Amino acid sequence: MIDRVQAMRIFVRIVDTSSFTRATATTIVPALASLLGVQLLVRTIRKVTLTAEAAAY
């Protein structure tokens, strides 16, 4: 089970830096998205953007 508070901290760090540089981020973000039932980020080669649901979160 994912620790929700830690996942939220990692999510905020990813949004602030616009980067998936940490290996745990690629595991934590999908788990948090699954927990919340929404897609949080749209990731492309050049950038990471928030979905509307993530912006509201």
C-alpha atoms as a PDB file:
ATOM      1  CA  MET A   1       0.000   0.000   0.000  1.00  0.00           C
ATOM      2  CA  ILE A   2       1.240   3.442  -0.881  1.00  0.00           C
ATOM      3  CA  ASP A   3       1.881   6.013   1.834  1.00  0.00           C
ATOM      4  CA  ARG A   4      -0.415   8.811   0.663  1.00  0.00           C
ATOM      5  CA  VAL A   5       1.453  11.680   2.344  1.00  0.00           C
ATOM      6  CA  GLN A   6       4.819  10.594   0.934  1.00  0.00           C
ATOM      7  CA  ALA A   7       3.264  10.126  -2.498  1.00  0.00           C
ATOM      8  CA  MET A   8       1.811  13.641  -2.318  1.00  0.00           C
ATOM      9  CA  ARG A   9       5.224  15.068  -1.412  1.00  0.00           C
ATOM     10  CA  ILE A  10       6.861  13.306  -4.346  1.00  0.00           C
ATOM     11  CA  PHE A  11       4.073  14.471  -6.642  1.00  0.00           C
ATOM     12  CA  VAL A  12       4.561  18.095  -5.577  1.00  0.00           C
ATOM     13  CA  ARG A  13       8.316  17.769  -6.134  1.00  0.00           C
ATOM     14  CA  ILE A  14       7.735  16.397  -9.638  1.00  0.00           C
ATOM     15  CA  VAL A  15       5.363  19.245 -10.466  1.00  0.00           C
ATOM     16  CA  ASP A  16       7.754  21.860  -9.053  1.00  0.00           C
ATOM     17  CA  THR A  17      10.734  20.543 -11.003  1.00  0.00           C
ATOM     18  CA  SER A  18       8.803  19.286 -14.068  1.00  0.00           C
ATOM     19  CA  SER A  19      10.980  16.208 -13.951  1.00  0.00           C
ATOM     20  CA  PHE A  20      10.717  12.456 -13.515  1.00  0.00           C
ATOM     21  CA  THR A  21      14.384  12.105 -12.614  1.00  0.00           C
ATOM     22  CA  ARG A  22      13.851   9.782  -9.655  1.00  0.00           C
ATOM     23  CA  ALA A  23      13.024   6.162 -10.307  1.00  0.00           C
ATOM     24  CA  THR A  24      10.453   6.150  -7.498  1.00  0.00           C
ATOM     25  CA  ALA A  25       8.487   8.892  -9.220  1.00  0.00           C
ATOM     26  CA  THR A  26       7.588   6.587 -12.072  1.00  0.00           C
ATOM     27  CA  THR A  27       6.211   4.133  -9.525  1.00  0.00           C
ATOM     28  CA  ILE A  28       4.668   6.537  -7.013  1.00  0.00           C
ATOM     29  CA  VAL A  29       2.769   8.808  -9.415  1.00  0.00           C
ATOM     30  CA  PRO A  30       0.848   5.969 -11.099  1.00  0.00           C
ATOM     31  CA  ALA A  31       0.069   4.482  -7.681  1.00  0.00           C
ATOM     32  CA  LEU A  32      -1.205   7.849  -6.399  1.00  0.00           C
ATOM     33  CA  ALA A  33      -3.223   8.338  -9.589  1.00  0.00           C
ATOM     34  CA  SER A  34      -4.734   4.897  -9.104  1.00  0.00           C
ATOM     35  CA  LEU A  35      -5.521   5.652  -5.476  1.00  0.00           C
ATOM     36  CA  LEU A  36      -7.257   8.896  -6.461  1.00  0.00           C
ATOM     37  CA  GLY A  37      -8.859   7.426  -9.570  1.00  0.00           C
ATOM     38  CA  VAL A  38      -7.579  10.121 -11.951  1.00  0.00           C
ATOM     39  CA  GLN A  39      -4.671  10.742 -14.302  1.00  0.00           C
ATOM     40  CA  LEU A  40      -2.379  13.323 -12.711  1.00  0.00           C
ATOM     41  CA  LEU A  41       0.270  14.103 -15.301  1.00  0.00           C
ATOM     42  CA  VAL A  42       0.795  14.105 -19.022  1.00  0.00           C
ATOM     43  CA  ARG A  43       4.419  13.293 -19.708  1.00  0.00           C
ATOM     44  CA  THR A  44       6.133  13.897 -23.027  1.00  0.00           C
ATOM     45  CA  ILE A  45       9.784  13.819 -24.021  1.00  0.00           C
ATOM     46  CA  ARG A  46      10.113  17.542 -23.390  1.00  0.00           C
ATOM     47  CA  LYS A  47       7.802  18.346 -20.498  1.00  0.00           C
ATOM     48  CA  VAL A  48       5.478  17.222 -17.757  1.00  0.00           C
ATOM     49  CA  THR A  49       2.108  18.948 -17.488  1.00  0.00           C
ATOM     50  CA  LEU A  50      -0.731  18.663 -15.029  1.00  0.00           C
ATOM     51  CA  THR A  51      -4.124  17.353 -15.995  1.00  0.00           C
ATOM     52  CA  ALA A  52      -7.133  19.430 -14.964  1.00  0.00           C
ATOM     53  CA  GLU A  53      -7.831  16.912 -12.199  1.00  0.00           C
ATOM     54  CA  ALA A  54      -4.298  17.233 -10.851  1.00  0.00           C
ATOM     55  CA  ALA A  55      -4.519  21.026 -10.857  1.00  0.00           C
ATOM     56  CA  ALA A  56      -7.659  20.776  -8.743  1.00  0.00           C
ATOM     57  CA  TYR A  57      -5.965  18.270  -6.432  1.00  0.00           C
END
